[in-house]
Every structure is written in C-alpha cells, then in structure tokens.
C-alpha cells in the first residue's frame, strides 16, 4: 500500500526527533510548505523536551510553530499511524532501523535522515554503526535518496534513506565522473571533507564544543560515511573527514585519475548533463565557499581538470543541515508527491541559470 500515490490533498506528516538541529530545520521547511502539513512532532520516550512547545525549545520559531512535542511510545504509534501519509526520522540510527518498517508496513512513507538504511550490506552495520540490523527485509527494500540522481526510486519506494551530509557533497562531485566511466578504475579516489560543529548534533559534548574545536582530521580510514560514498559512487574511495571551528556548512574536495582518452570537454559535459536541469546544484566558475551556501538548499560545484596528468579535482559546498539533511528530505518528499524536487525550497518566481558561463549545454 502506497497512500501518498493516491493522496490528493497534500501530505500529512510527523517528525520524530523534533528537538535536534536537523529536526528543527526540517520543521521550519515543513511549516512553509503548501503541500505538506505537520500532524505530530515527537521526541524520544525519555526526553525532557516532551510536553514543551517546539517554539519554547527553538525560540526563533515562536509564532511559526507552537506545536507541543510528544514523547514517542507504542501508544502514540498506534494512535497516529492511520492518520499519517509520511514520517520523517531525525533520530539515532538504531531507532529508525527498529521502527521504520512498522510505519512502512502500515502504508506510511518513511524518510529516514539517520543512517539506519543507507548501507545495503547488513554486515556493515555492526562495524560502522555499532548495532546489528534486525529488519533485513525493510533494509533490502529501502532506496537511497540522493534527490538529483534517484528520483524514480524515491517516487516508488516506501522507505527512503536520505543521504548523509558528507556523502551528499561527495557524491554530487563524483557521480558525473563515475556514472560515465570516465575514471581510471583502479586508481586511488580521495575525498577530503570539512564540516562545521553542527554536524555532530545538538547534544553537548566537550569534543564538539565550539571553544574546544580546532581544525582536525578524525576517524580516518574508519568513518561510517566511507562505505556509503563507495557504495553509491560504485567505486572505492578513501574518505578523510575534518571538523572545523564554525557552526554550519560542509566542503568536500575530491581528487581522482581519469582515463587516458578523457578530455576537458568530456568532463565539462558530464557535469552539465548531470545538473543543467537541477536548480539546487549550481555549477559555479570559482572554487565554492561555504558562506555562499550556508542557510540555503544549494550545492555549489566547481572542478578543474589537468589533461596532461589526467587528474580532476572537484569541490562541492553545501549546508550540512539543509542540503546535507533537511532540505534534501523535503526534495525526496516533493518527488514522492509528484512535485519538482525544489518545490517550496526556492522562491516560486526565481529565474536563474545554475550553469557557469563558457560551458556549452
């Protein structure tokens, strides 16, 4: 059963994990969306935020979203599931992995912003996420939700694994190359990523306290996003994440070797073909800056190809909480409703070109 496919009045949704940074960004986008309406905002069963207004927890939304936060429980699930068309999980990975199937089995579409369904190999979950996935049938049916690349799967699947922030920037950079088989298949692909501290979530931690953070690499050769990027790029990558002392935004820079016969025109055309019809991916003429995408749903991409060395370097900047999470989840929901993926994320009268000068479409 796919209730959304036959629902004509819009989409009635719940957000589980409403108290965190990503949940708050998602709720703000839902509040301004004309085709989706919030039924319930839910926090974890033991959360001290239960019973509070969302706007009490996030005061900048006072008068915009004054919905009371409810605690998750089996009783809440039983009461809510039949009135919902979709549910967004902005929760710990184990929680969505445990509960997504119950909503999907009831015909509620699931948009999971955690990592509970991103990796297709169930054996990777104990290693990279620290738990054993118990719902392998749901995992097998789940589809990856990189909006610019997987619109058909997003529209026709009941569980959507919304990509991580690092993989979003990395894959937007890589896929025009790897999907066209322009890369040298046995050469090293290196992805260097830098994220602001909001990527670590809202929970207080000395390791991510703004006053304690200095630019540093972490989880080298073992980060959970490495298998996700490799899986979706269909190529093995080395992923080097870095934490930086700023609030939000993310930059990924990818270096890879191309085949001997690949020209600059081939590379340029691969990116134009991939994104000329994607308003949220901007192909810019200079190396992207985080300041140009922070607080927006855009991904800014730039590349440079050394034809002599056959090396291409691609850089992508996004807002980790928006294009790397909340606004991409909205894109997936829009696709499920049969809308343009950027619906509600850009001004309706905005007219612009997202392709740099000098590249022929």
Protein backbone atom coordinates (compact mmCIF):
# COMPACT_ATOMS: atom_id res chain seq x y z
CA UNK A 1 0.00 0.00 0.00
CA UNK A 2 1.32 3.43 -1.00
CA UNK A 3 -1.01 6.04 0.44
CA UNK A 4 0.96 9.01 -0.90
CA UNK A 5 0.50 7.94 -4.51
CA UNK A 6 -3.28 8.36 -4.20
CA UNK A 7 -3.39 11.24 -1.72
CA UNK A 8 -4.52 14.43 -3.45
CA UNK A 9 -4.86 16.96 -0.64
CA UNK A 10 -1.20 17.11 0.34
CA UNK A 11 0.88 15.07 2.74
CA UNK A 12 0.15 14.71 6.46
CA UNK A 13 3.42 14.12 8.27
CA UNK A 14 5.06 13.55 11.62
CA UNK A 15 8.64 14.34 12.57
CA UNK A 16 10.31 12.01 15.05
CA UNK A 17 13.41 13.57 16.55
CA UNK A 18 11.98 17.08 16.55
CA UNK A 19 14.29 18.57 19.18
CA UNK A 20 17.65 18.36 17.39
CA UNK A 21 19.28 20.68 14.88
CA UNK A 22 18.21 18.69 11.82
CA UNK A 23 14.70 18.19 13.16
CA UNK A 24 14.34 21.92 13.74
CA UNK A 25 15.49 22.78 10.21
CA UNK A 26 13.12 20.20 8.77
CA UNK A 27 10.17 21.52 10.77
CA UNK A 28 10.87 25.07 9.62
CA UNK A 29 10.76 23.92 6.00
CA UNK A 30 7.57 21.94 6.56
CA UNK A 31 5.89 24.98 8.13
CA UNK A 32 6.29 26.95 4.90
CA UNK A 33 5.39 24.07 2.56
CA UNK A 34 1.97 24.37 0.90
CA UNK A 35 1.59 20.66 0.15
CA UNK A 36 2.63 19.19 3.50
CA UNK A 37 1.15 19.66 6.94
CA UNK A 38 2.55 18.64 10.33
CA UNK A 39 0.32 16.38 12.42
CA UNK A 40 2.73 15.49 15.22
CA UNK A 41 6.17 16.43 16.49
CA UNK A 42 7.75 13.65 18.50
CA UNK A 43 10.79 13.30 20.75
CA UNK A 44 12.32 10.25 22.40
CA UNK A 45 10.41 8.50 25.13
CA UNK A 46 12.61 9.75 27.97
CA UNK A 47 13.23 13.24 26.61
CA UNK A 48 12.82 16.17 28.99
CA UNK A 49 11.54 18.16 25.98
CA UNK A 50 8.27 16.20 25.92
CA UNK A 51 5.31 18.42 26.76
CA UNK A 52 7.10 21.61 25.75
CA UNK A 53 6.20 23.71 22.76
CA UNK A 54 8.58 23.37 19.84
CA UNK A 55 8.95 27.16 19.90
CA UNK A 56 9.99 27.02 23.55
CA UNK A 57 12.87 24.75 22.61
CA UNK A 58 13.71 26.78 19.49
CA UNK A 59 12.53 30.34 20.25
CA UNK A 60 13.16 31.73 16.77
CA UNK A 61 10.12 29.73 15.64
CA UNK A 62 7.77 31.43 18.13
CA UNK A 63 4.54 32.13 16.32
CA UNK A 64 5.67 29.95 13.42
CA UNK A 65 5.49 26.52 15.03
CA UNK A 66 3.93 26.33 18.50
CA UNK A 67 3.14 22.62 18.39
CA UNK A 68 3.56 20.59 21.58
CA UNK A 69 6.28 17.94 21.49
CA UNK A 70 5.02 14.43 22.26
CA UNK A 71 7.03 11.54 23.63
CA UNK A 72 7.33 8.52 21.36
CA UNK A 73 5.55 5.40 22.60
CA UNK A 74 3.77 2.38 21.22
CA UNK A 75 0.52 4.09 22.21
CA UNK A 76 1.44 7.17 20.18
CA UNK A 77 2.33 4.98 17.20
CA UNK A 78 -0.98 3.11 17.33
CA UNK A 79 -2.95 6.36 17.58
CA UNK A 80 -1.03 8.22 14.88
CA UNK A 81 -0.13 5.72 12.20
CA UNK A 82 -3.52 5.67 10.46
CA UNK A 83 -3.72 9.44 10.08
CA UNK A 84 -0.25 9.90 8.58
CA UNK A 85 0.94 9.81 4.99
CA UNK A 86 4.63 10.13 5.83
CA UNK A 87 7.05 10.20 8.72
CA UNK A 88 10.47 11.82 8.91
CA UNK A 89 13.03 10.23 11.23
CA UNK A 90 15.69 12.62 12.57
CA UNK A 91 16.68 10.13 15.25
CA UNK A 92 19.58 7.91 16.30
CA UNK A 93 20.34 5.28 13.67
CA UNK A 94 19.21 2.32 15.78
CA UNK A 95 15.80 3.86 16.40
CA UNK A 96 14.85 4.34 12.76
CA UNK A 97 16.25 0.90 11.92
CA UNK A 98 13.90 -0.54 14.55
CA UNK A 99 10.73 1.42 13.74
CA UNK A 100 10.74 2.37 10.06
CA UNK A 101 9.35 -0.98 8.93
CA UNK A 102 6.30 -0.60 11.20
CA UNK A 103 5.30 2.66 9.50
CA UNK A 104 6.08 1.31 6.03
CA UNK A 105 4.02 -1.83 6.66
CA UNK A 106 1.07 0.43 7.54
CA UNK A 107 1.41 2.31 4.25
CA UNK A 108 3.18 5.36 5.70
CA UNK A 109 6.10 6.58 3.61
CA UNK A 110 9.35 6.84 5.57
CA UNK A 111 12.04 9.46 5.03
CA UNK A 112 14.92 8.45 7.26
CA UNK A 113 17.52 11.15 7.86
CA UNK A 114 19.61 8.81 10.04
CA UNK A 115 21.97 6.13 8.81
CA UNK A 116 19.59 3.29 9.58
CA UNK A 117 19.04 2.30 5.94
CA UNK A 118 21.90 3.88 3.97
CA UNK A 119 24.18 0.83 3.76
CA UNK A 120 22.84 -2.09 1.76
CA UNK A 121 25.21 -4.65 3.28
CA UNK A 122 23.77 -5.57 6.68
CA UNK A 123 27.20 -6.79 7.81
CA UNK A 124 28.47 -3.19 7.71
CA UNK A 125 26.17 -2.00 10.49
CA UNK A 126 27.98 -3.56 13.47
CA UNK A 127 31.31 -2.22 12.19
CA UNK A 128 30.29 1.30 11.22
CA UNK A 129 27.17 1.98 13.31
CA UNK A 130 27.62 -0.27 16.33
CA UNK A 131 24.41 -2.28 16.06
CA UNK A 132 23.06 -5.31 14.24
CA UNK A 133 20.28 -4.52 11.79
CA UNK A 134 17.23 -6.59 12.73
CA UNK A 135 14.94 -5.77 9.80
CA UNK A 136 16.70 -7.10 6.73
CA UNK A 137 13.57 -7.19 4.57
CA UNK A 138 13.00 -3.48 5.13
CA UNK A 139 16.69 -2.80 4.52
CA UNK A 140 16.52 -4.66 1.20
CA UNK A 141 13.53 -2.59 0.07
CA UNK A 142 14.88 0.78 1.19
CA UNK A 143 16.14 3.13 -1.53
CA UNK A 144 18.87 5.72 -1.37
CA UNK A 145 17.56 9.27 -1.62
CA UNK A 146 20.15 11.41 -3.41
CA UNK A 147 17.48 13.60 -4.96
CA UNK A 148 19.24 14.62 -8.18
CA UNK A 149 20.11 11.02 -9.04
CA UNK A 150 17.40 8.71 -7.71
CA UNK A 151 14.05 10.33 -8.43
CA UNK A 152 12.41 7.16 -9.80
CA UNK A 153 13.40 5.05 -6.80
CA UNK A 154 12.36 7.82 -4.41
CA UNK A 155 8.92 8.09 -6.01
CA UNK A 156 8.25 4.35 -6.00
CA UNK A 157 9.70 3.17 -2.69
CA UNK A 158 8.25 3.15 0.81
CA UNK A 159 11.48 3.71 2.79
CA UNK A 160 13.90 6.39 1.64
CA UNK A 161 17.38 6.60 3.14
CA UNK A 162 18.19 10.30 2.96
CA UNK A 163 21.96 10.57 2.37
CA UNK A 164 24.44 11.83 4.94
CA UNK A 165 25.89 15.31 4.63
CA UNK A 166 29.42 14.24 3.67
CA UNK A 167 28.13 11.69 1.12
CA UNK A 168 25.81 14.27 -0.44
CA UNK A 169 28.64 16.67 -1.27
CA UNK A 170 31.00 13.84 -2.19
CA UNK A 171 28.55 12.03 -4.47
CA UNK A 172 27.35 15.15 -6.23
CA UNK A 173 31.03 15.64 -7.09
CA UNK A 174 31.81 12.04 -8.02
CA UNK A 175 28.78 10.67 -9.81
CA UNK A 176 29.06 12.68 -13.06
CA UNK A 177 32.51 11.12 -13.43
CA UNK A 178 31.93 7.58 -12.18
CA UNK A 179 28.49 7.12 -13.77
CA UNK A 180 30.04 7.93 -17.15
CA UNK A 181 33.03 5.65 -16.52
CA UNK A 182 35.48 8.48 -17.04
CA UNK A 183 37.66 7.49 -14.09
CA UNK A 184 40.58 5.14 -14.15
CA UNK A 185 39.00 2.19 -12.41
CA UNK A 186 41.98 1.00 -10.37
CA UNK A 187 43.36 4.38 -9.31
CA UNK A 188 43.02 5.99 -5.91
CA UNK A 189 39.98 8.22 -5.26
CA UNK A 190 40.46 10.56 -2.30
CA UNK A 191 37.67 12.59 -0.70
CA UNK A 192 38.60 15.26 1.83
CA UNK A 193 35.65 16.67 3.76
CA UNK A 194 35.38 19.53 6.27
CA UNK A 195 32.27 20.13 8.39
CA UNK A 196 31.15 22.64 10.98
CA UNK A 197 30.32 21.55 14.52
CA UNK A 198 26.54 21.38 13.99
CA UNK A 199 27.19 18.16 12.09
CA UNK A 200 27.84 16.48 15.43
CA UNK A 201 24.30 17.22 16.63
CA UNK A 202 22.78 19.26 19.46
CA UNK A 203 23.82 17.10 22.38
CA UNK A 204 26.51 18.76 24.49
CA UNK A 205 29.99 17.27 24.17
CA UNK A 206 33.40 18.63 25.06
CA UNK A 207 34.82 17.19 21.83
CA UNK A 208 32.47 19.35 19.73
CA UNK A 209 32.26 22.40 21.99
CA UNK A 210 32.93 25.45 19.84
CA UNK A 211 35.63 26.74 22.19
CA UNK A 212 37.44 23.40 22.16
CA UNK A 213 37.37 22.65 18.42
CA UNK A 214 40.40 23.24 16.23
CA UNK A 215 40.61 22.13 12.60
CA UNK A 216 41.43 18.45 12.83
CA UNK A 217 41.02 15.19 10.95
CA UNK A 218 39.10 12.39 12.68
CA UNK A 219 38.01 8.78 12.12
CA UNK A 220 40.46 8.39 9.25
CA UNK A 221 40.01 5.11 7.33
CA UNK A 222 37.08 4.10 9.53
CA UNK A 223 34.38 6.76 9.17
CA UNK A 224 30.86 5.39 8.62
CA UNK A 225 30.36 7.55 5.53
CA UNK A 226 33.22 5.88 3.65
CA UNK A 227 31.26 2.73 2.73
CA UNK A 228 28.21 4.88 1.90
CA UNK A 229 30.17 7.02 -0.57
CA UNK A 230 31.86 3.96 -2.10
CA UNK A 231 28.56 2.11 -2.41
CA UNK A 232 26.78 4.93 -4.24
CA UNK A 233 29.73 6.02 -6.37
CA UNK A 234 30.29 2.37 -7.40
CA UNK A 235 33.97 2.94 -6.73
CA UNK A 236 36.15 2.53 -3.66
CA UNK A 237 37.13 5.81 -2.05
CA UNK A 238 39.37 6.98 0.75
CA UNK A 239 37.40 9.43 2.88
CA UNK A 240 39.19 11.90 5.16
CA UNK A 241 36.74 13.87 7.37
CA UNK A 242 37.73 17.03 9.24
CA UNK A 243 35.99 19.03 11.95
CA UNK A 244 36.33 22.81 11.80
CA UNK A 245 35.51 25.59 14.29
CA UNK A 246 32.47 27.10 12.60
CA UNK A 247 28.75 26.42 13.07
CA UNK A 248 27.42 25.07 9.82
CA UNK A 249 28.39 24.23 6.29
CA UNK A 250 30.44 21.49 4.64
CA UNK A 251 33.04 21.32 1.90
CA UNK A 252 34.11 18.15 0.10
CA UNK A 253 37.05 18.09 -2.32
CA UNK A 254 37.54 15.00 -4.48
CA UNK A 255 40.66 14.01 -6.39
CA UNK A 256 40.68 11.21 -8.95
CA UNK A 257 42.53 9.97 -12.01
CA UNK A 258 40.70 9.81 -15.34
CA UNK A 259 41.17 7.55 -18.33
CA UNK A 260 43.78 8.48 -20.94
CA UNK A 261 41.30 9.47 -23.64
CA UNK A 262 39.16 11.81 -21.46
CA UNK A 263 39.21 15.47 -22.47
CA UNK A 264 38.25 18.66 -20.66
CA UNK A 265 35.17 18.86 -22.88
CA UNK A 266 34.14 15.38 -21.74
CA UNK A 267 34.43 16.40 -18.09
CA UNK A 268 32.56 19.68 -18.56
CA UNK A 269 29.76 17.97 -20.46
CA UNK A 270 29.39 15.27 -17.80
CA UNK A 271 28.61 17.90 -15.15
CA UNK A 272 26.32 19.91 -17.42
CA UNK A 273 24.37 16.81 -18.44
CA UNK A 274 24.03 15.78 -14.80
CA UNK A 275 22.87 19.10 -13.35
CA UNK A 276 21.62 21.53 -16.02
CA UNK A 277 18.05 20.67 -15.02
CA UNK A 278 18.75 20.67 -11.25
CA UNK A 279 18.14 24.16 -9.83
CA UNK A 280 19.63 23.33 -6.43
CA UNK A 281 23.01 22.28 -7.85
CA UNK A 282 24.92 25.33 -9.07
CA UNK A 283 27.91 24.83 -11.34
CA UNK A 284 30.00 27.84 -10.36
CA UNK A 285 33.01 29.43 -12.02
CA UNK A 286 35.26 29.58 -8.95
CA UNK A 287 36.06 27.27 -6.05
CA UNK A 288 32.93 27.17 -3.85
CA UNK A 289 32.69 28.86 -0.47
CA UNK A 290 30.68 27.70 2.49
CA UNK A 291 29.42 31.25 3.10
CA UNK A 292 27.67 31.13 -0.28
CA UNK A 293 25.59 28.07 0.63
CA UNK A 294 25.09 28.34 4.41
CA UNK A 295 21.39 28.60 5.32
CA UNK A 296 20.41 27.64 1.75
CA UNK A 297 19.41 24.38 -0.01
CA UNK A 298 22.07 24.83 -2.71
CA UNK A 299 25.09 22.72 -3.58
CA UNK A 300 27.84 24.70 -5.34
CA UNK A 301 30.19 22.68 -7.56
CA UNK A 302 33.44 23.56 -9.32
CA UNK A 303 36.11 21.40 -10.94
CA UNK A 304 39.48 21.66 -12.62
CA UNK A 305 40.99 19.07 -14.95
CA UNK A 306 44.67 18.67 -15.76
CA UNK A 307 44.60 16.95 -19.14
CA UNK A 308 48.32 16.22 -19.06
CA UNK A 309 48.24 14.47 -15.68
CA UNK A 310 44.70 13.15 -16.25
CA UNK A 311 43.71 14.33 -12.77
CA UNK A 312 40.44 16.07 -11.96
CA UNK A 313 39.73 17.89 -8.69
CA UNK A 314 36.11 18.64 -7.81
CA UNK A 315 34.87 20.68 -4.87
CA UNK A 316 31.32 20.90 -3.52
CA UNK A 317 29.99 23.16 -0.76
CA UNK A 318 26.65 22.60 0.99
CA UNK A 319 24.88 23.48 4.21
CA UNK A 320 25.21 20.28 6.23
CA UNK A 321 21.85 20.76 7.97
CA UNK A 322 19.92 21.63 4.79
CA UNK A 323 21.18 20.11 1.52
CA UNK A 324 23.02 17.61 3.71
CA UNK A 325 19.87 16.66 5.62
CA UNK A 326 16.58 18.58 5.98
CA UNK A 327 16.11 20.23 2.59
CA UNK A 328 17.15 17.04 0.80
CA UNK A 329 14.49 15.18 2.78
CA UNK A 330 11.99 17.77 1.53
CA UNK A 331 13.25 17.16 -2.02
CA UNK A 332 12.54 13.46 -1.56
CA UNK A 333 9.05 14.20 -0.23
CA UNK A 334 8.38 16.53 -3.15
CA UNK A 335 9.36 13.82 -5.62
CA UNK A 336 7.02 11.43 -3.83
CA UNK A 337 4.19 13.94 -4.30
CA UNK A 338 4.95 14.33 -7.99
CA UNK A 339 6.28 17.86 -7.50
CA UNK A 340 9.51 19.41 -8.71
CA UNK A 341 12.15 18.43 -6.17
CA UNK A 342 12.92 22.08 -5.32
CA UNK A 343 9.25 22.94 -4.65
CA UNK A 344 8.96 25.09 -1.53
CA UNK A 345 12.72 25.49 -1.24
CA UNK A 346 13.17 28.37 -3.70
CA UNK A 347 11.04 31.44 -4.39
CA UNK A 348 8.41 30.49 -6.95
CA UNK A 349 9.30 33.40 -9.22
CA UNK A 350 13.07 32.80 -9.11
CA UNK A 351 14.64 32.57 -12.55
CA UNK A 352 18.33 31.79 -12.80
CA UNK A 353 20.87 29.68 -14.60
CA UNK A 354 22.72 27.13 -12.50
CA UNK A 355 25.42 26.54 -15.14
CA UNK A 356 28.67 28.50 -15.38
CA UNK A 357 29.50 30.64 -18.38
CA UNK A 358 31.67 29.05 -21.03
CA UNK A 359 30.30 25.51 -20.82
CA UNK A 360 28.05 24.51 -23.69
CA UNK A 361 24.86 22.67 -22.80
